[in-house]
Amino acid sequence: MNVAESYEYLKLTSEESKDILENIDFAILVIGSVEQHSKHLPLGTDIMIAEAIAKRVIEKARENGISTVLLPPIYYGYSDEHTEFPGTISIRSEILVGYLYDICASLAKNKVKRIFIINGHGGNLGVLDIVSRKIGTDFGIFVFYLYPYIKEVSEILTSEIGGIGHAGELETSLFLYLYPELVRRDKMTKEIPKQLNNLGTDSRTPKSVHFGWFKLNSMMTESGTVGDPLSGTPEKGKMLLETVVNQIVNALKELKEINNLKKK
């Protein structure tokens, strides 16, 4: 197997998969959600962004000598907070934990050494934390996962605090760059909920208290927007995508060497 090769899981035969899975650097799994993204972005926003990131990560990983196999995506996520809005499909957290666990356990049984999950939806983070710990405990392999609110991303954004919670500047910018024909520009609505000193809805600000979003329409937003899509631009979207992809590939280069975190 070429050390820098990339594969699509669904296109492999069972016979081919054995050697590939045992020797691949990373199995890449993409997960998102199908949920309301206000009136200007489609229901598939989270998974479509995550898939676009994954495609570019795989290309750049190959250029950096990192081999990958891309698994079929998981379109649905844990989106209970959005169910007051039409179109949202949410998977119960306990079902999603079991589903993800079974996928990762199957990969572990096929001797995959590392799994990297590219996640496009904040509501999945609790599920991913549980699964990564449990797979590690049960099989002794790492399940890494990413949610792309990193420091370098924050430096690209210009909206006021509260501007990037949901369907705001960040996601709108990415869609204006990736899928401009799917953005309903005339329906963009800026809606920023209260930003308290110890509690907010913007990942750029440090918070001493966290809570799980719930009943967004009742508690936080009329339009479905939590943020400022009017600040979004395709230029920012291009920079955001490149920044996240570079961050992931840099992480993969480091994580490729990890089998144990004990100090030697």
C-alpha atoms as a PDB file:
ATOM      1  CA  MET A   1       0.000   0.000   0.000  1.00  0.00           C
ATOM      2  CA  ASN A   2       1.292   3.426  -0.919  1.00  0.00           C
ATOM      3  CA  VAL A   3       1.960   5.206   2.385  1.00  0.00           C
ATOM      4  CA  ALA A   4       0.287   8.393   1.141  1.00  0.00           C
ATOM      5  CA  GLU A   5      -2.696   6.801  -0.557  1.00  0.00           C
ATOM      6  CA  SER A   6      -6.324   7.732   0.069  1.00  0.00           C
ATOM      7  CA  TYR A   7      -9.284   5.396  -0.325  1.00  0.00           C
ATOM      8  CA  GLU A   8     -13.069   5.540  -0.318  1.00  0.00           C
ATOM      9  CA  TYR A   9     -14.406   2.836   1.975  1.00  0.00           C
ATOM     10  CA  LEU A  10     -17.467   2.023  -0.141  1.00  0.00           C
ATOM     11  CA  LYS A  11     -15.349   1.358  -3.235  1.00  0.00           C
ATOM     12  CA  LEU A  12     -13.111  -1.250  -1.572  1.00  0.00           C
ATOM     13  CA  THR A  13     -13.758  -4.967  -1.745  1.00  0.00           C
ATOM     14  CA  SER A  14     -13.691  -6.980   1.440  1.00  0.00           C
ATOM     15  CA  GLU A  15     -10.422  -8.586   0.345  1.00  0.00           C
ATOM     16  CA  GLU A  16      -8.817  -5.209  -0.402  1.00  0.00           C
ATOM     17  CA  SER A  17      -9.955  -3.701   2.873  1.00  0.00           C
ATOM     18  CA  LYS A  18      -7.990  -6.069   5.109  1.00  0.00           C
ATOM     19  CA  ASP A  19      -4.487  -4.815   4.308  1.00  0.00           C
ATOM     20  CA  ILE A  20      -5.633  -1.213   3.857  1.00  0.00           C
ATOM     21  CA  LEU A  21      -7.412  -0.944   7.210  1.00  0.00           C
ATOM     22  CA  GLU A  22      -4.553  -2.571   9.096  1.00  0.00           C
ATOM     23  CA  ASN A  23      -1.993  -0.149   7.650  1.00  0.00           C
ATOM     24  CA  ILE A  24      -3.882   3.097   7.107  1.00  0.00           C
ATOM     25  CA  ASP A  25      -2.853   6.137   9.169  1.00  0.00           C
ATOM     26  CA  PHE A  26      -6.411   7.381   9.726  1.00  0.00           C
ATOM     27  CA  ALA A  27      -9.955   6.303   9.078  1.00  0.00           C
ATOM     28  CA  ILE A  28     -11.856   9.550   8.450  1.00  0.00           C
ATOM     29  CA  LEU A  29     -15.505   9.748   9.495  1.00  0.00           C
ATOM     30  CA  VAL A  30     -17.675  12.804   8.787  1.00  0.00           C
ATOM     31  CA  ILE A  31     -20.735  13.625  10.892  1.00  0.00           C
ATOM     32  CA  GLY A  32     -23.081  16.588  10.799  1.00  0.00           C
ATOM     33  CA  SER A  33     -26.793  17.162  11.220  1.00  0.00           C
ATOM     34  CA  VAL A  34     -30.019  17.819   9.328  1.00  0.00           C
ATOM     35  CA  GLU A  35     -31.558  20.833  11.025  1.00  0.00           C
ATOM     36  CA  GLN A  36     -32.886  24.322  10.508  1.00  0.00           C
ATOM     37  CA  HIS A  37     -30.330  26.970   9.642  1.00  0.00           C
ATOM     38  CA  SER A  38     -32.622  29.976   9.715  1.00  0.00           C
ATOM     39  CA  LYS A  39     -34.296  31.145   6.510  1.00  0.00           C
ATOM     40  CA  HIS A  40     -31.188  31.627   4.401  1.00  0.00           C
ATOM     41  CA  LEU A  41     -29.209  28.371   4.700  1.00  0.00           C
ATOM     42  CA  PRO A  42     -30.307  24.800   3.879  1.00  0.00           C
ATOM     43  CA  LEU A  43     -31.090  21.993   6.317  1.00  0.00           C
ATOM     44  CA  GLY A  44     -27.900  20.198   5.308  1.00  0.00           C
ATOM     45  CA  THR A  45     -25.554  23.059   6.193  1.00  0.00           C
ATOM     46  CA  ASP A  46     -23.558  21.234   8.890  1.00  0.00           C
ATOM     47  CA  ILE A  47     -22.930  18.017   6.982  1.00  0.00           C
ATOM     48  CA  MET A  48     -22.241  19.815   3.696  1.00  0.00           C
ATOM     49  CA  ILE A  49     -19.566  21.999   5.319  1.00  0.00           C
ATOM     50  CA  ALA A  50     -18.034  19.007   7.104  1.00  0.00           C
ATOM     51  CA  GLU A  51     -17.896  16.988   3.867  1.00  0.00           C
ATOM     52  CA  ALA A  52     -16.239  19.878   2.028  1.00  0.00           C
ATOM     53  CA  ILE A  53     -13.638  20.119   4.786  1.00  0.00           C
ATOM     54  CA  ALA A  54     -13.027  16.358   4.691  1.00  0.00           C
ATOM     55  CA  LYS A  55     -12.517  16.335   0.919  1.00  0.00           C
ATOM     56  CA  ARG A  56      -9.819  18.992   1.151  1.00  0.00           C
ATOM     57  CA  VAL A  57      -8.227  17.424   4.241  1.00  0.00           C
ATOM     58  CA  ILE A  58      -7.797  14.126   2.406  1.00  0.00           C
ATOM     59  CA  GLU A  59      -6.179  15.845  -0.599  1.00  0.00           C
ATOM     60  CA  LYS A  60      -3.753  17.775   1.596  1.00  0.00           C
ATOM     61  CA  ALA A  61      -3.062  14.794   3.851  1.00  0.00           C
ATOM     62  CA  ARG A  62      -1.944  12.787   0.821  1.00  0.00           C
ATOM     63  CA  GLU A  63       0.431  15.611  -0.151  1.00  0.00           C
ATOM     64  CA  ASN A  64       1.900  15.371   3.365  1.00  0.00           C
ATOM     65  CA  GLY A  65       2.462  11.615   3.302  1.00  0.00           C
ATOM     66  CA  ILE A  66      -0.617  10.717   5.393  1.00  0.00           C
ATOM     67  CA  SER A  67      -2.772   7.806   4.245  1.00  0.00           C
ATOM     68  CA  THR A  68      -6.538   7.902   4.810  1.00  0.00           C
ATOM     69  CA  VAL A  69      -9.697   5.956   4.161  1.00  0.00           C
ATOM     70  CA  LEU A  70     -12.927   7.960   3.977  1.00  0.00           C
ATOM     71  CA  LEU A  71     -15.979   6.296   5.484  1.00  0.00           C
ATOM     72  CA  PRO A  72     -19.590   6.938   4.414  1.00  0.00           C
ATOM     73  CA  PRO A  73     -20.845  10.094   6.167  1.00  0.00           C
ATOM     74  CA  ILE A  74     -23.353  10.237   9.007  1.00  0.00           C
ATOM     75  CA  TYR A  75     -25.861  12.844   7.931  1.00  0.00           C
ATOM     76  CA  TYR A  76     -28.041  12.957  11.040  1.00  0.00           C
ATOM     77  CA  GLY A  77     -27.010  14.197  14.490  1.00  0.00           C
ATOM     78  CA  TYR A  78     -28.337  15.112  17.905  1.00  0.00           C
ATOM     79  CA  SER A  79     -30.354  18.254  17.172  1.00  0.00           C
ATOM     80  CA  ASP A  80     -33.105  18.366  19.791  1.00  0.00           C
ATOM     81  CA  GLU A  81     -32.501  22.073  20.369  1.00  0.00           C
ATOM     82  CA  HIS A  82     -33.786  22.803  16.851  1.00  0.00           C
ATOM     83  CA  THR A  83     -36.922  20.653  16.811  1.00  0.00           C
ATOM     84  CA  GLU A  84     -39.242  23.637  17.311  1.00  0.00           C
ATOM     85  CA  PHE A  85     -38.364  24.613  13.726  1.00  0.00           C
ATOM     86  CA  PRO A  86     -39.651  22.784  10.624  1.00  0.00           C
ATOM     87  CA  GLY A  87     -37.371  20.343   8.821  1.00  0.00           C
ATOM     88  CA  THR A  88     -35.138  19.320  11.698  1.00  0.00           C
ATOM     89  CA  ILE A  89     -34.389  15.604  12.091  1.00  0.00           C
ATOM     90  CA  SER A  90     -32.812  14.641  15.409  1.00  0.00           C
ATOM     91  CA  ILE A  91     -31.404  11.313  16.568  1.00  0.00           C
ATOM     92  CA  ARG A  92     -31.726  10.559  20.280  1.00  0.00           C
ATOM     93  CA  SER A  93     -28.359  10.936  21.995  1.00  0.00           C
ATOM     94  CA  GLU A  94     -28.321   7.383  23.347  1.00  0.00           C
ATOM     95  CA  ILE A  95     -29.080   5.991  19.876  1.00  0.00           C
ATOM     96  CA  LEU A  96     -26.359   8.114  18.274  1.00  0.00           C
ATOM     97  CA  VAL A  97     -23.843   7.036  20.925  1.00  0.00           C
ATOM     98  CA  GLY A  98     -24.593   3.389  20.186  1.00  0.00           C
ATOM     99  CA  TYR A  99     -24.516   3.911  16.420  1.00  0.00           C
ATOM    100  CA  LEU A 100     -21.173   5.727  16.456  1.00  0.00           C
ATOM    101  CA  TYR A 101     -19.752   3.244  18.947  1.00  0.00           C
ATOM    102  CA  ASP A 102     -20.650   0.320  16.683  1.00  0.00           C
ATOM    103  CA  ILE A 103     -19.009   1.971  13.669  1.00  0.00           C
ATOM    104  CA  CYS A 104     -15.811   2.686  15.585  1.00  0.00           C
ATOM    105  CA  ALA A 105     -15.825  -0.744  17.231  1.00  0.00           C
ATOM    106  CA  SER A 106     -16.130  -2.394  13.813  1.00  0.00           C
ATOM    107  CA  LEU A 107     -13.139  -0.397  12.587  1.00  0.00           C
ATOM    108  CA  ALA A 108     -11.159  -1.344  15.699  1.00  0.00           C
ATOM    109  CA  LYS A 109     -11.944  -5.026  15.099  1.00  0.00           C
ATOM    110  CA  ASN A 110     -10.570  -4.552  11.586  1.00  0.00           C
ATOM    111  CA  LYS A 111      -7.331  -3.298  13.193  1.00  0.00           C
ATOM    112  CA  VAL A 112      -7.669   0.390  12.324  1.00  0.00           C
ATOM    113  CA  LYS A 113      -5.194   2.239  14.556  1.00  0.00           C
ATOM    114  CA  ARG A 114      -6.673   5.752  14.595  1.00  0.00           C
ATOM    115  CA  ILE A 115     -10.071   7.237  13.805  1.00  0.00           C
ATOM    116  CA  PHE A 116     -10.490  10.938  13.093  1.00  0.00           C
ATOM    117  CA  ILE A 117     -14.008  12.368  13.122  1.00  0.00           C
ATOM    118  CA  ILE A 118     -14.699  15.638  11.310  1.00  0.00           C
ATOM    119  CA  ASN A 119     -17.766  17.012  13.072  1.00  0.00           C
ATOM    120  CA  GLY A 120     -19.901  19.824  11.700  1.00  0.00           C
ATOM    121  CA  HIS A 121     -22.461  20.200  14.501  1.00  0.00           C
ATOM    122  CA  GLY A 122     -21.913  21.446  18.050  1.00  0.00           C
ATOM    123  CA  GLY A 123     -24.772  19.358  19.401  1.00  0.00           C
ATOM    124  CA  ASN A 124     -22.797  16.184  18.641  1.00  0.00           C
ATOM    125  CA  LEU A 125     -19.863  17.033  20.901  1.00  0.00           C
ATOM    126  CA  GLY A 126     -21.199  15.322  24.033  1.00  0.00           C
ATOM    127  CA  VAL A 127     -21.893  12.167  22.047  1.00  0.00           C
ATOM    128  CA  LEU A 128     -18.423  12.216  20.491  1.00  0.00           C
ATOM    129  CA  ASP A 129     -16.787  12.624  23.886  1.00  0.00           C
ATOM    130  CA  ILE A 130     -18.569   9.550  25.244  1.00  0.00           C
ATOM    131  CA  VAL A 131     -17.782   7.432  22.186  1.00  0.00           C
ATOM    132  CA  SER A 132     -14.098   8.411  22.041  1.00  0.00           C
ATOM    133  CA  ARG A 133     -13.604   7.508  25.693  1.00  0.00           C
ATOM    134  CA  LYS A 134     -15.507   4.240  25.476  1.00  0.00           C
ATOM    135  CA  ILE A 135     -13.765   3.041  22.315  1.00  0.00           C
ATOM    136  CA  GLY A 136     -10.434   3.914  23.878  1.00  0.00           C
ATOM    137  CA  THR A 137     -11.312   1.991  27.026  1.00  0.00           C
ATOM    138  CA  ASP A 138     -12.690  -1.044  25.194  1.00  0.00           C
ATOM    139  CA  PHE A 139     -10.208  -1.324  22.318  1.00  0.00           C
ATOM    140  CA  GLY A 140      -7.180   0.781  23.228  1.00  0.00           C
ATOM    141  CA  ILE A 141      -7.299   2.938  20.093  1.00  0.00           C
ATOM    142  CA  PHE A 142      -7.654   6.693  19.742  1.00  0.00           C
ATOM    143  CA  VAL A 143     -10.796   8.308  18.387  1.00  0.00           C
ATOM    144  CA  PHE A 144      -9.992  11.950  17.694  1.00  0.00           C
ATOM    145  CA  TYR A 145     -12.663  14.477  16.823  1.00  0.00           C
ATOM    146  CA  LEU A 146     -12.713  18.093  15.793  1.00  0.00           C
ATOM    147  CA  TYR A 147     -15.115  20.978  15.962  1.00  0.00           C
ATOM    148  CA  PRO A 148     -13.677  23.847  13.920  1.00  0.00           C
ATOM    149  CA  TYR A 149     -13.938  26.774  16.337  1.00  0.00           C
ATOM    150  CA  ILE A 150     -10.234  27.340  16.792  1.00  0.00           C
ATOM    151  CA  LYS A 151      -8.264  30.478  17.614  1.00  0.00           C
ATOM    152  CA  GLU A 152      -7.138  31.031  14.027  1.00  0.00           C
ATOM    153  CA  VAL A 153     -10.752  30.898  12.842  1.00  0.00           C
ATOM    154  CA  SER A 154     -11.780  33.527  15.363  1.00  0.00           C
ATOM    155  CA  GLU A 155      -9.181  35.915  13.966  1.00  0.00           C
ATOM    156  CA  ILE A 156     -10.906  35.908  10.557  1.00  0.00           C
ATOM    157  CA  LEU A 157     -14.331  36.809  11.922  1.00  0.00           C
ATOM    158  CA  THR A 158     -15.377  40.446  12.335  1.00  0.00           C
ATOM    159  CA  SER A 159     -18.942  40.322  13.664  1.00  0.00           C
ATOM    160  CA  GLU A 160     -19.721  41.535  17.156  1.00  0.00           C
ATOM    161  CA  ILE A 161     -19.699  38.987  19.975  1.00  0.00           C
ATOM    162  CA  GLY A 162     -22.694  36.735  19.484  1.00  0.00           C
ATOM    163  CA  GLY A 163     -22.310  36.815  15.721  1.00  0.00           C
ATOM    164  CA  ILE A 164     -21.283  33.188  15.092  1.00  0.00           C
ATOM    165  CA  GLY A 165     -23.553  30.984  17.202  1.00  0.00           C
ATOM    166  CA  HIS A 166     -25.705  29.362  14.501  1.00  0.00           C
ATOM    167  CA  ALA A 167     -26.314  30.263  10.851  1.00  0.00           C
ATOM    168  CA  GLY A 168     -24.287  33.389  11.558  1.00  0.00           C
ATOM    169  CA  GLU A 169     -21.128  34.885  10.133  1.00  0.00           C
ATOM    170  CA  LEU A 170     -19.058  31.679  10.132  1.00  0.00           C
ATOM    171  CA  GLU A 171     -21.465  29.246   8.486  1.00  0.00           C
ATOM    172  CA  THR A 172     -22.834  31.858   6.112  1.00  0.00           C
ATOM    173  CA  SER A 173     -19.322  32.803   4.960  1.00  0.00           C
ATOM    174  CA  LEU A 174     -18.467  29.161   4.287  1.00  0.00           C
ATOM    175  CA  PHE A 175     -21.661  28.670   2.299  1.00  0.00           C
ATOM    176  CA  LEU A 176     -21.158  31.886   0.328  1.00  0.00           C
ATOM    177  CA  TYR A 177     -17.797  30.440  -0.747  1.00  0.00           C
ATOM    178  CA  LEU A 178     -18.706  26.754  -1.172  1.00  0.00           C
ATOM    179  CA  TYR A 179     -22.333  26.833  -2.295  1.00  0.00           C
ATOM    180  CA  PRO A 180     -23.296  30.454  -3.128  1.00  0.00           C
ATOM    181  CA  GLU A 181     -26.305  29.330  -5.176  1.00  0.00           C
ATOM    182  CA  LEU A 182     -27.871  27.819  -2.020  1.00  0.00           C
ATOM    183  CA  VAL A 183     -27.736  30.974   0.103  1.00  0.00           C
ATOM    184  CA  ARG A 184     -31.035  32.883   0.189  1.00  0.00           C
ATOM    185  CA  ARG A 185     -29.408  36.283   0.573  1.00  0.00           C
ATOM    186  CA  ASP A 186     -32.676  38.197   0.775  1.00  0.00           C
ATOM    187  CA  LYS A 187     -33.681  36.192   3.859  1.00  0.00           C
ATOM    188  CA  MET A 188     -30.625  36.801   6.034  1.00  0.00           C
ATOM    189  CA  THR A 189     -31.578  37.980   9.516  1.00  0.00           C
ATOM    190  CA  LYS A 190     -29.230  39.216  12.222  1.00  0.00           C
ATOM    191  CA  GLU A 191     -30.385  38.016  15.630  1.00  0.00           C
ATOM    192  CA  ILE A 192     -28.040  38.014  18.605  1.00  0.00           C
ATOM    193  CA  PRO A 193     -29.305  36.794  21.987  1.00  0.00           C
ATOM    194  CA  LYS A 194     -28.161  38.221  25.314  1.00  0.00           C
ATOM    195  CA  GLN A 195     -24.414  37.907  25.886  1.00  0.00           C
ATOM    196  CA  LEU A 196     -23.810  37.768  29.634  1.00  0.00           C
ATOM    197  CA  ASN A 197     -20.354  38.003  31.184  1.00  0.00           C
ATOM    198  CA  ASN A 198     -20.385  34.400  32.413  1.00  0.00           C
ATOM    199  CA  LEU A 199     -22.606  32.910  29.738  1.00  0.00           C
ATOM    200  CA  GLY A 200     -22.828  33.521  26.014  1.00  0.00           C
ATOM    201  CA  THR A 201     -23.501  31.912  22.666  1.00  0.00           C
ATOM    202  CA  ASP A 202     -20.242  32.821  20.919  1.00  0.00           C
ATOM    203  CA  SER A 203     -17.231  30.494  21.045  1.00  0.00           C
ATOM    204  CA  ARG A 204     -14.817  33.444  20.761  1.00  0.00           C
ATOM    205  CA  THR A 205     -15.461  34.511  24.344  1.00  0.00           C
ATOM    206  CA  PRO A 206     -14.284  32.694  27.495  1.00  0.00           C
ATOM    207  CA  LYS A 207     -17.159  31.566  29.705  1.00  0.00           C
ATOM    208  CA  SER A 208     -17.195  30.375  33.303  1.00  0.00           C
ATOM    209  CA  VAL A 209     -20.562  28.653  32.857  1.00  0.00           C
ATOM    210  CA  HIS A 210     -21.717  26.369  30.047  1.00  0.00           C
ATOM    211  CA  PHE A 211     -25.130  24.956  29.254  1.00  0.00           C
ATOM    212  CA  GLY A 212     -26.685  22.747  26.607  1.00  0.00           C
ATOM    213  CA  TRP A 213     -28.785  24.688  24.118  1.00  0.00           C
ATOM    214  CA  PHE A 214     -32.476  23.771  24.222  1.00  0.00           C
ATOM    215  CA  LYS A 215     -35.745  25.052  22.711  1.00  0.00           C
ATOM    216  CA  LEU A 216     -34.040  27.645  20.543  1.00  0.00           C
ATOM    217  CA  ASN A 217     -37.247  29.213  19.287  1.00  0.00           C
ATOM    218  CA  SER A 218     -38.644  29.668  22.787  1.00  0.00           C
ATOM    219  CA  MET A 219     -35.416  30.634  24.540  1.00  0.00           C
ATOM    220  CA  MET A 220     -33.066  32.264  22.051  1.00  0.00           C
ATOM    221  CA  THR A 221     -34.194  33.128  18.517  1.00  0.00           C
ATOM    222  CA  GLU A 222     -37.317  33.844  16.491  1.00  0.00           C
ATOM    223  CA  SER A 223     -35.713  33.500  13.055  1.00  0.00           C
ATOM    224  CA  GLY A 224     -33.532  30.465  13.745  1.00  0.00           C
ATOM    225  CA  THR A 225     -30.381  32.570  13.443  1.00  0.00           C
ATOM    226  CA  VAL A 226     -28.110  32.910  16.451  1.00  0.00           C
ATOM    227  CA  GLY A 227     -25.644  35.431  15.104  1.00  0.00           C
ATOM    228  CA  ASP A 228     -24.964  37.809  12.239  1.00  0.00           C
ATOM    229  CA  PRO A 229     -25.077  36.309   8.733  1.00  0.00           C
ATOM    230  CA  LEU A 230     -24.954  39.814   7.246  1.00  0.00           C
ATOM    231  CA  SER A 231     -21.247  39.921   8.169  1.00  0.00           C
ATOM    232  CA  GLY A 232     -20.546  36.816   6.091  1.00  0.00           C
ATOM    233  CA  THR A 233     -18.551  37.039   2.853  1.00  0.00           C
ATOM    234  CA  PRO A 234     -17.180  34.462   0.388  1.00  0.00           C
ATOM    235  CA  GLU A 235     -13.686  35.848   0.992  1.00  0.00           C
ATOM    236  CA  LYS A 236     -13.970  35.029   4.688  1.00  0.00           C
ATOM    237  CA  GLY A 237     -15.384  31.633   3.747  1.00  0.00           C
ATOM    238  CA  LYS A 238     -12.322  30.815   1.653  1.00  0.00           C
ATOM    239  CA  MET A 239      -9.974  31.846   4.464  1.00  0.00           C
ATOM    240  CA  LEU A 240     -12.017  29.931   7.038  1.00  0.00           C
ATOM    241  CA  LEU A 241     -11.957  26.744   4.984  1.00  0.00           C
ATOM    242  CA  GLU A 242      -8.224  26.944   4.314  1.00  0.00           C
ATOM    243  CA  THR A 243      -7.517  27.658   7.985  1.00  0.00           C
ATOM    244  CA  VAL A 244      -9.545  24.713   9.269  1.00  0.00           C
ATOM    245  CA  VAL A 245      -8.091  22.326   6.675  1.00  0.00           C
ATOM    246  CA  ASN A 246      -4.532  23.369   7.512  1.00  0.00           C
ATOM    247  CA  GLN A 247      -5.234  22.992  11.224  1.00  0.00           C
ATOM    248  CA  ILE A 248      -6.585  19.470  10.771  1.00  0.00           C
ATOM    249  CA  VAL A 249      -3.711  18.352   8.539  1.00  0.00           C
ATOM    250  CA  ASN A 250      -1.177  19.752  10.995  1.00  0.00           C
ATOM    251  CA  ALA A 251      -2.945  17.794  13.723  1.00  0.00           C
ATOM    252  CA  LEU A 252      -2.906  14.617  11.627  1.00  0.00           C
ATOM    253  CA  LYS A 253       0.849  14.947  11.089  1.00  0.00           C
ATOM    254  CA  GLU A 254       1.346  15.065  14.854  1.00  0.00           C
ATOM    255  CA  LEU A 255      -1.262  12.445  15.746  1.00  0.00           C
ATOM    256  CA  LYS A 256       0.116   9.987  13.193  1.00  0.00           C
ATOM    257  CA  GLU A 257       3.047   9.402  15.533  1.00  0.00           C
ATOM    258  CA  ILE A 258       0.919   8.755  18.640  1.00  0.00           C
ATOM    259  CA  ASN A 259       0.271   5.290  19.997  1.00  0.00           C
ATOM    260  CA  ASN A 260       0.723   6.101  23.658  1.00  0.00           C
ATOM    261  CA  LEU A 261       0.838   9.343  25.649  1.00  0.00           C
ATOM    262  CA  LYS A 262       3.108   8.156  28.434  1.00  0.00           C
ATOM    263  CA  LYS A 263       6.273  10.160  28.805  1.00  0.00           C
ATOM    264  CA  LYS A 264       9.263   8.204  27.555  1.00  0.00           C
END
